[in-house]
Structures are given as structure tokens and as C-alpha cells.
Amino acid sequence: MPKGFMFLIAAVLFETIGTSALQASQQFTRLWPALTVVVAYAISFYLMGLTLKYIPVGITYAIWSGFGIVFIAIIGYFVFHQKLDLPAVMGMGLIIVGILIIHLFSKTVSH
């Protein structure tokens, strides 16, 4: 796997951890989840910065935010018991399709 995508996957992982901790922090009233938010986002943005050496910023951000949306929705459903309706699931499916199109067919991203 190309180095840029390894950095990007790790950035998405830390962004997902940070956003999950944001929910768990209860509006920054709980110390450890709040600290996790700050540290996880810092690591995520650092890794996203490393990604930009290999992948253009627009593509990087589209993939980072797209996967983040889908992963957080899944975590929200299973961990925080938040419901998703059919239009939400369909919309996130379209996000995944968009990411696949970028990854499989775009000449902007080196494979």
C-alpha cells in the first residue's frame, strides 16, 4: 500500500477516535475524554499533513472526511445507540461510492 494512503488511513482512525471521545466528553465536562479529543485530533491532523506529501489536499480531505462520516455513524449506531434512517444510510453509501471512484479511477491519485 502506498505510504500516502497508510498515513491517510491512520489519520482517519485518529479522527474517528477523537470524534467518538468528543461525544463521550459530554461537552468537555469529562477530563479524560476531553483530553483524548485534543490528542487524537492533533495526531490526525499531523498524519493528514504527512499525507499531503503524496496526495493532493482536495482528494485527501474528501477521503478523510468521507470515511470519518461513515465510521462515526457506525460508532454512533453501535456505541451511542443513535439511529440512522434509510436516507442517511443511502447518503453514506453514496459517500463510499464516491471514495471508491476517486481511488479506483482518478489519475490525480497515484496508485
N, C-alpha and C. Protein backbone atom coordinates (compact mmCIF):
# COMPACT_ATOMS: atom_id res chain seq x y z
N MET A 1 0.85 -1.18 0.00
CA MET A 1 0.00 0.00 0.00
C MET A 1 0.89 1.23 0.00
N PRO A 2 0.57 2.22 -0.84
CA PRO A 2 1.38 3.44 -0.89
C PRO A 2 1.40 4.17 0.46
N LYS A 3 2.53 4.79 0.72
CA LYS A 3 2.76 5.46 2.00
C LYS A 3 1.69 6.52 2.29
N GLY A 4 1.29 7.29 1.28
CA GLY A 4 0.29 8.33 1.48
C GLY A 4 -1.02 7.77 2.00
N PHE A 5 -1.43 6.62 1.48
CA PHE A 5 -2.68 6.02 1.94
C PHE A 5 -2.53 5.44 3.34
N MET A 6 -1.36 4.97 3.70
CA MET A 6 -1.14 4.50 5.07
C MET A 6 -1.30 5.65 6.06
N PHE A 7 -0.70 6.81 5.73
CA PHE A 7 -0.86 7.99 6.58
C PHE A 7 -2.32 8.40 6.67
N LEU A 8 -3.01 8.35 5.53
CA LEU A 8 -4.41 8.79 5.48
C LEU A 8 -5.30 7.86 6.30
N ILE A 9 -5.10 6.57 6.21
CA ILE A 9 -5.89 5.62 7.00
C ILE A 9 -5.67 5.86 8.48
N ALA A 10 -4.42 6.07 8.87
CA ALA A 10 -4.12 6.36 10.28
C ALA A 10 -4.77 7.67 10.72
N ALA A 11 -4.75 8.68 9.84
CA ALA A 11 -5.39 9.96 10.16
C ALA A 11 -6.88 9.79 10.39
N VAL A 12 -7.52 8.99 9.55
CA VAL A 12 -8.96 8.73 9.71
C VAL A 12 -9.21 8.00 11.03
N LEU A 13 -8.36 7.05 11.36
CA LEU A 13 -8.51 6.31 12.61
C LEU A 13 -8.47 7.26 13.81
N PHE A 14 -7.48 8.16 13.84
CA PHE A 14 -7.37 9.09 14.97
C PHE A 14 -8.50 10.11 14.97
N GLU A 15 -8.96 10.53 13.79
CA GLU A 15 -10.10 11.45 13.73
C GLU A 15 -11.34 10.78 14.29
N THR A 16 -11.51 9.50 13.99
CA THR A 16 -12.65 8.74 14.49
C THR A 16 -12.58 8.59 16.01
N ILE A 17 -11.39 8.32 16.52
CA ILE A 17 -11.21 8.24 17.97
C ILE A 17 -11.54 9.59 18.61
N GLY A 18 -11.04 10.66 18.02
CA GLY A 18 -11.29 12.00 18.57
C GLY A 18 -12.76 12.37 18.58
N THR A 19 -13.45 12.06 17.50
CA THR A 19 -14.87 12.41 17.43
C THR A 19 -15.70 11.55 18.38
N SER A 20 -15.33 10.28 18.52
CA SER A 20 -16.01 9.42 19.49
C SER A 20 -15.79 9.94 20.90
N ALA A 21 -14.58 10.36 21.20
CA ALA A 21 -14.28 10.91 22.52
C ALA A 21 -15.02 12.23 22.74
N LEU A 22 -15.24 12.98 21.66
CA LEU A 22 -16.00 14.23 21.77
C LEU A 22 -17.41 13.96 22.31
N GLN A 23 -18.03 12.93 21.78
CA GLN A 23 -19.36 12.54 22.27
C GLN A 23 -19.26 12.08 23.73
N ALA A 24 -18.24 11.29 24.04
CA ALA A 24 -18.07 10.76 25.39
C ALA A 24 -17.69 11.84 26.41
N SER A 25 -17.12 12.95 25.93
CA SER A 25 -16.68 14.00 26.85
C SER A 25 -17.84 14.78 27.46
N GLN A 26 -19.04 14.58 26.91
CA GLN A 26 -20.24 15.28 27.37
C GLN A 26 -20.01 16.79 27.42
N GLN A 27 -19.74 17.35 26.25
CA GLN A 27 -19.49 18.78 26.06
C GLN A 27 -18.29 19.26 26.89
N PHE A 28 -17.23 18.47 26.87
CA PHE A 28 -15.96 18.78 27.55
C PHE A 28 -16.11 18.90 29.07
N THR A 29 -17.04 18.16 29.64
CA THR A 29 -17.20 18.16 31.10
C THR A 29 -16.50 16.97 31.75
N ARG A 30 -16.00 16.04 30.96
CA ARG A 30 -15.27 14.89 31.48
C ARG A 30 -13.83 14.99 30.99
N LEU A 31 -12.88 14.98 31.92
CA LEU A 31 -11.48 15.28 31.62
C LEU A 31 -10.84 14.33 30.63
N TRP A 32 -10.85 13.04 30.89
CA TRP A 32 -10.10 12.12 30.04
C TRP A 32 -10.64 12.03 28.61
N PRO A 33 -11.93 11.94 28.41
CA PRO A 33 -12.41 12.00 27.03
C PRO A 33 -12.07 13.33 26.34
N ALA A 34 -12.13 14.45 27.09
CA ALA A 34 -11.80 15.75 26.50
C ALA A 34 -10.33 15.81 26.09
N LEU A 35 -9.44 15.27 26.91
CA LEU A 35 -8.02 15.22 26.55
C LEU A 35 -7.79 14.29 25.35
N THR A 36 -8.54 13.21 25.31
CA THR A 36 -8.44 12.30 24.17
C THR A 36 -8.82 13.00 22.88
N VAL A 37 -9.85 13.84 22.94
CA VAL A 37 -10.26 14.62 21.75
C VAL A 37 -9.08 15.44 21.23
N VAL A 38 -8.46 16.19 22.09
CA VAL A 38 -7.37 17.10 21.69
C VAL A 38 -6.19 16.31 21.12
N VAL A 39 -5.78 15.27 21.81
CA VAL A 39 -4.62 14.48 21.38
C VAL A 39 -4.93 13.76 20.07
N ALA A 40 -6.09 13.12 19.98
CA ALA A 40 -6.43 12.37 18.77
C ALA A 40 -6.53 13.28 17.55
N TYR A 41 -7.16 14.45 17.71
CA TYR A 41 -7.25 15.38 16.58
C TYR A 41 -5.86 15.91 16.19
N ALA A 42 -5.02 16.18 17.16
CA ALA A 42 -3.66 16.65 16.85
C ALA A 42 -2.91 15.61 16.04
N ILE A 43 -3.00 14.36 16.46
CA ILE A 43 -2.32 13.28 15.72
C ILE A 43 -2.93 13.14 14.34
N SER A 44 -4.26 13.21 14.26
CA SER A 44 -4.94 13.08 12.96
C SER A 44 -4.49 14.16 11.98
N PHE A 45 -4.45 15.41 12.45
CA PHE A 45 -4.05 16.50 11.55
C PHE A 45 -2.57 16.39 11.17
N TYR A 46 -1.73 15.93 12.08
CA TYR A 46 -0.32 15.71 11.76
C TYR A 46 -0.20 14.65 10.65
N LEU A 47 -0.92 13.54 10.82
CA LEU A 47 -0.87 12.48 9.82
C LEU A 47 -1.47 12.94 8.49
N MET A 48 -2.51 13.77 8.56
CA MET A 48 -3.08 14.29 7.32
C MET A 48 -2.07 15.20 6.63
N GLY A 49 -1.30 15.96 7.42
CA GLY A 49 -0.25 16.79 6.85
C GLY A 49 0.80 15.94 6.13
N LEU A 50 1.16 14.80 6.72
CA LEU A 50 2.11 13.90 6.06
C LEU A 50 1.51 13.32 4.77
N THR A 51 0.22 13.08 4.79
CA THR A 51 -0.47 12.56 3.61
C THR A 51 -0.33 13.52 2.43
N LEU A 52 -0.32 14.83 2.73
CA LEU A 52 -0.29 15.83 1.67
C LEU A 52 1.01 15.83 0.87
N LYS A 53 2.03 15.13 1.36
CA LYS A 53 3.26 14.95 0.57
C LYS A 53 3.01 14.05 -0.63
N TYR A 54 1.95 13.23 -0.56
CA TYR A 54 1.72 12.20 -1.57
C TYR A 54 0.40 12.34 -2.31
N ILE A 55 -0.60 12.94 -1.66
CA ILE A 55 -1.94 13.02 -2.24
C ILE A 55 -2.40 14.48 -2.18
N PRO A 56 -3.00 15.00 -3.25
CA PRO A 56 -3.46 16.40 -3.25
C PRO A 56 -4.47 16.67 -2.12
N VAL A 57 -4.50 17.90 -1.65
CA VAL A 57 -5.31 18.27 -0.49
C VAL A 57 -6.80 18.00 -0.70
N GLY A 58 -7.34 18.26 -1.86
CA GLY A 58 -8.76 18.04 -2.10
C GLY A 58 -9.14 16.57 -2.00
N ILE A 59 -8.31 15.72 -2.57
CA ILE A 59 -8.55 14.28 -2.52
C ILE A 59 -8.36 13.77 -1.09
N THR A 60 -7.30 14.23 -0.44
CA THR A 60 -7.03 13.84 0.94
C THR A 60 -8.23 14.18 1.83
N TYR A 61 -8.70 15.40 1.72
CA TYR A 61 -9.79 15.84 2.59
C TYR A 61 -11.09 15.10 2.26
N ALA A 62 -11.34 14.84 0.98
CA ALA A 62 -12.56 14.12 0.60
C ALA A 62 -12.57 12.72 1.21
N ILE A 63 -11.45 12.04 1.12
CA ILE A 63 -11.38 10.68 1.66
C ILE A 63 -11.41 10.71 3.19
N TRP A 64 -10.64 11.62 3.80
CA TRP A 64 -10.58 11.73 5.26
C TRP A 64 -11.96 12.02 5.84
N SER A 65 -12.62 13.01 5.28
CA SER A 65 -13.93 13.38 5.83
C SER A 65 -15.00 12.34 5.49
N GLY A 66 -14.93 11.78 4.29
CA GLY A 66 -15.92 10.77 3.89
C GLY A 66 -15.87 9.53 4.77
N PHE A 67 -14.69 8.97 4.93
CA PHE A 67 -14.57 7.80 5.81
C PHE A 67 -14.89 8.17 7.25
N GLY A 68 -14.49 9.36 7.68
CA GLY A 68 -14.81 9.79 9.04
C GLY A 68 -16.30 9.83 9.28
N ILE A 69 -17.06 10.36 8.33
CA ILE A 69 -18.52 10.42 8.43
C ILE A 69 -19.11 9.02 8.60
N VAL A 70 -18.69 8.12 7.75
CA VAL A 70 -19.24 6.77 7.77
C VAL A 70 -18.86 6.04 9.06
N PHE A 71 -17.58 6.11 9.44
CA PHE A 71 -17.14 5.41 10.65
C PHE A 71 -17.82 5.96 11.90
N ILE A 72 -17.95 7.27 11.98
CA ILE A 72 -18.61 7.87 13.15
C ILE A 72 -20.09 7.49 13.19
N ALA A 73 -20.73 7.42 12.04
CA ALA A 73 -22.13 7.00 12.02
C ALA A 73 -22.27 5.56 12.52
N ILE A 74 -21.35 4.70 12.13
CA ILE A 74 -21.37 3.31 12.58
C ILE A 74 -21.13 3.24 14.09
N ILE A 75 -20.13 3.97 14.57
CA ILE A 75 -19.84 4.00 16.01
C ILE A 75 -21.02 4.59 16.77
N GLY A 76 -21.59 5.66 16.24
CA GLY A 76 -22.76 6.27 16.88
C GLY A 76 -23.91 5.28 17.00
N TYR A 77 -24.10 4.48 15.99
CA TYR A 77 -25.18 3.49 15.99
C TYR A 77 -24.94 2.41 17.05
N PHE A 78 -23.74 1.82 17.04
CA PHE A 78 -23.46 0.69 17.92
C PHE A 78 -23.08 1.09 19.35
N VAL A 79 -22.32 2.16 19.51
CA VAL A 79 -21.83 2.54 20.83
C VAL A 79 -22.78 3.50 21.55
N PHE A 80 -23.25 4.52 20.83
CA PHE A 80 -24.08 5.55 21.45
C PHE A 80 -25.58 5.36 21.18
N HIS A 81 -25.93 4.27 20.48
CA HIS A 81 -27.33 3.90 20.21
C HIS A 81 -28.09 5.00 19.47
N GLN A 82 -27.40 5.65 18.53
CA GLN A 82 -28.04 6.67 17.71
C GLN A 82 -28.60 6.00 16.45
N LYS A 83 -29.80 6.35 16.09
CA LYS A 83 -30.48 5.70 14.98
C LYS A 83 -30.14 6.37 13.65
N LEU A 84 -30.16 5.56 12.60
CA LEU A 84 -29.96 6.05 11.23
C LEU A 84 -31.18 5.66 10.42
N ASP A 85 -31.74 6.61 9.66
CA ASP A 85 -32.84 6.27 8.79
C ASP A 85 -32.31 5.90 7.41
N LEU A 86 -33.19 5.44 6.55
CA LEU A 86 -32.80 4.97 5.22
C LEU A 86 -32.09 6.05 4.39
N PRO A 87 -32.59 7.29 4.35
CA PRO A 87 -31.86 8.31 3.58
C PRO A 87 -30.44 8.55 4.10
N ALA A 88 -30.23 8.47 5.41
CA ALA A 88 -28.89 8.64 5.96
C ALA A 88 -27.97 7.51 5.50
N VAL A 89 -28.48 6.29 5.57
CA VAL A 89 -27.68 5.13 5.14
C VAL A 89 -27.39 5.22 3.64
N MET A 90 -28.39 5.60 2.86
CA MET A 90 -28.17 5.73 1.41
C MET A 90 -27.15 6.82 1.10
N GLY A 91 -27.24 7.94 1.79
CA GLY A 91 -26.28 9.03 1.58
C GLY A 91 -24.87 8.60 1.91
N MET A 92 -24.70 7.87 2.99
CA MET A 92 -23.36 7.39 3.35
C MET A 92 -22.87 6.34 2.36
N GLY A 93 -23.79 5.58 1.82
CA GLY A 93 -23.41 4.64 0.75
C GLY A 93 -22.87 5.39 -0.46
N LEU A 94 -23.49 6.50 -0.79
CA LEU A 94 -23.01 7.32 -1.91
C LEU A 94 -21.63 7.91 -1.61
N ILE A 95 -21.39 8.26 -0.35
CA ILE A 95 -20.06 8.75 0.04
C ILE A 95 -19.01 7.68 -0.22
N ILE A 96 -19.30 6.45 0.17
CA ILE A 96 -18.37 5.34 -0.05
C ILE A 96 -18.15 5.11 -1.54
N VAL A 97 -19.22 5.18 -2.32
CA VAL A 97 -19.09 5.03 -3.78
C VAL A 97 -18.19 6.13 -4.34
N GLY A 98 -18.37 7.36 -3.86
CA GLY A 98 -17.52 8.47 -4.31
C GLY A 98 -16.06 8.24 -3.99
N ILE A 99 -15.78 7.75 -2.79
CA ILE A 99 -14.39 7.46 -2.41
C ILE A 99 -13.82 6.36 -3.29
N LEU A 100 -14.60 5.33 -3.55
CA LEU A 100 -14.13 4.25 -4.43
C LEU A 100 -13.84 4.75 -5.84
N ILE A 101 -14.70 5.60 -6.36
CA ILE A 101 -14.48 6.17 -7.69
C ILE A 101 -13.17 6.95 -7.72
N ILE A 102 -12.94 7.77 -6.70
CA ILE A 102 -11.68 8.53 -6.63
C ILE A 102 -10.50 7.57 -6.60
N HIS A 103 -10.57 6.59 -5.71
CA HIS A 103 -9.43 5.68 -5.53
C HIS A 103 -9.18 4.82 -6.76
N LEU A 104 -10.23 4.33 -7.38
CA LEU A 104 -10.06 3.38 -8.49
C LEU A 104 -9.81 4.06 -9.84
N PHE A 105 -10.35 5.25 -10.05
CA PHE A 105 -10.32 5.80 -11.39
C PHE A 105 -9.61 7.14 -11.54
N SER A 106 -9.40 7.87 -10.46
CA SER A 106 -8.79 9.19 -10.59
C SER A 106 -7.31 9.09 -10.91
N LYS A 107 -6.88 9.87 -11.87
CA LYS A 107 -5.46 9.94 -12.20
C LYS A 107 -4.75 10.95 -11.31
N THR A 108 -5.52 11.67 -10.49
CA THR A 108 -4.95 12.64 -9.56
C THR A 108 -4.20 11.94 -8.43
N VAL A 109 -4.66 10.74 -8.10
CA VAL A 109 -4.06 9.95 -7.01
C VAL A 109 -3.16 8.89 -7.61
N SER A 110 -1.92 8.84 -7.12
CA SER A 110 -1.01 7.80 -7.60
C SER A 110 -1.35 6.48 -6.92
N HIS A 111 -1.41 5.41 -7.70
CA HIS A 111 -1.77 4.09 -7.16
C HIS A 111 -0.55 3.22 -7.06
